[in-house]
Protein backbone atom coordinates (compact mmCIF):
# COMPACT_ATOMS: atom_id res chain seq x y z
CA MET A 1 -103.55 37.10 -63.65
CA GLU A 2 -105.98 34.39 -63.07
CA SER A 3 -104.48 31.80 -65.33
CA ALA A 4 -101.45 32.44 -64.39
CA LEU A 5 -102.52 32.16 -60.37
CA LEU A 6 -104.37 28.75 -61.54
CA ILE A 7 -101.21 27.54 -63.05
CA ILE A 8 -98.92 28.17 -59.98
CA HIS A 9 -101.22 27.07 -57.52
CA ALA A 10 -101.71 23.32 -59.76
CA ILE A 11 -97.98 22.92 -59.45
CA LEU A 12 -97.33 23.74 -56.08
CA ALA A 13 -100.57 20.75 -55.83
CA VAL A 14 -97.78 18.49 -57.16
CA ILE A 15 -94.50 19.77 -55.70
CA LEU A 16 -96.42 19.07 -52.32
CA ILE A 17 -98.03 15.77 -53.57
CA ILE A 18 -94.63 14.59 -54.06
CA VAL A 19 -92.75 16.15 -50.83
CA VAL A 20 -95.16 14.33 -48.78
CA LEU A 21 -94.54 10.89 -50.61
CA ILE A 22 -90.83 11.32 -49.90
CA GLN A 23 -91.30 11.08 -45.82
CA ARG A 24 -90.43 9.24 -43.76
CA ALA A 25 -93.55 7.34 -42.32
CA GLU A 26 -92.45 7.61 -38.43
CA GLY A 27 -94.05 8.43 -35.10
CA GLY A 28 -93.76 11.21 -33.95
CA ALA A 29 -95.34 13.45 -35.23
CA LEU A 30 -94.22 17.47 -35.05
CA GLY A 31 -90.68 16.48 -33.73
CA ILE A 32 -92.16 14.90 -30.44
CA GLY A 33 -89.87 11.30 -29.37
CA GLY A 34 -86.41 10.28 -30.88
CA GLY A 35 -82.89 12.16 -30.30
CA SER A 36 -82.10 15.36 -30.70
CA ASP A 37 -79.20 14.42 -31.17
CA GLY A 38 -77.68 15.83 -34.84
CA MET A 39 -75.95 12.76 -35.86
CA SER A 40 -79.39 10.78 -36.80
CA PRO A 41 -81.49 10.98 -40.05
CA ARG A 42 -83.73 12.67 -38.52
CA GLY A 43 -82.04 16.27 -39.73
CA SER A 44 -83.08 15.19 -43.24
CA ALA A 45 -86.72 14.56 -41.88
CA ASP A 46 -86.38 18.17 -40.48
CA ALA A 47 -85.77 20.01 -43.91
CA LEU A 48 -88.51 18.50 -45.70
CA THR A 49 -91.30 18.70 -42.43
CA ARG A 50 -89.98 23.15 -43.13
CA THR A 51 -90.78 21.76 -46.56
CA THR A 52 -93.90 20.48 -46.62
CA ALA A 53 -95.30 23.80 -44.23
CA VAL A 54 -94.22 26.52 -46.77
CA ILE A 55 -95.29 24.75 -49.94
CA ALA A 56 -99.08 24.31 -48.15
CA ALA A 57 -99.40 27.70 -46.17
CA LEU A 58 -98.47 28.85 -50.27
CA PHE A 59 -101.04 26.51 -51.21
CA VAL A 60 -102.76 27.80 -49.37
CA VAL A 61 -102.52 31.13 -50.46
CA THR A 62 -103.16 30.49 -53.63
CA SER A 63 -106.36 28.51 -53.16
CA ILE A 64 -108.02 32.53 -51.27
CA SER A 65 -106.30 34.06 -54.11
CA LEU A 66 -108.31 32.34 -56.72
CA THR A 67 -111.03 32.87 -54.73
CA VAL A 68 -110.74 36.16 -54.63
CA LEU A 69 -110.08 36.56 -57.89
CA SER A 70 -113.06 34.84 -59.37
CA LEU A 71 -115.45 36.36 -56.51
CA ARG A 72 -114.01 39.90 -58.29
CA SER A 73 -114.55 38.79 -61.77
CA SER A 74 -118.17 37.95 -61.03
CA ASP A 75 -121.38 39.25 -59.62
CA ARG A 76 -121.26 37.16 -56.32
CA THR A 77 -120.39 37.85 -52.83
CA LEU A 78 -118.95 35.85 -49.33
CA SER A 79 -121.75 37.03 -48.18
CA PHE A 80 -124.22 34.66 -46.05
CA ASP A 81 -127.09 36.91 -44.55
CA GLU A 82 -130.08 36.56 -46.91
CA PRO A 83 -131.43 38.41 -49.62
CA GLU A 84 -132.70 42.23 -47.55
CA ASN A 85 -135.53 41.77 -50.55
CA MET A 86 -137.08 38.48 -50.04
CA SER A 87 -138.51 37.57 -46.67
CA ALA A 88 -139.12 33.72 -45.79
CA ASP A 89 -142.66 34.10 -47.50
CA GLN A 90 -142.03 34.97 -50.53
CA LEU A 91 -139.40 31.83 -51.51
CA ASP A 92 -141.51 29.03 -53.66
CA ILE A 93 -140.10 25.65 -53.07
CA GLU A 94 -139.88 25.13 -56.96
CA ASP A 95 -137.06 27.05 -56.80
CA PHE A 96 -135.36 24.79 -55.44
CA PRO A 97 -133.30 21.44 -57.35
CA GLU A 98 -135.11 18.91 -56.03
CA LEU A 99 -134.07 15.87 -54.28
CA PRO A 100 -133.01 12.73 -55.20
CA GLN A 101 -134.24 10.50 -54.24
CA LEU A 102 -133.68 7.68 -52.80
CA ASP A 103 -134.72 4.08 -53.77
């Protein structure tokens, strides 16, 4: 399940990159400005914008799904609370990774 979702995620990433690069660079993001008659090339741009939004939403959903699947398959959780059994006095400085030195 996780590998199939990872493949779908990678395919969505490539498609999202292609669709974004296909779009024409023009001012007035989010449809601001420009004429609203149906005879402009903006109609195809609207389809690309909608396609981009759908693919981006699917990309976010697969990202969250991969995170949840990864957390379920391991002992990790999304808790940001401090462990209840450790106080600040019990933390030892040697337990932390060494910081890089600036030369």
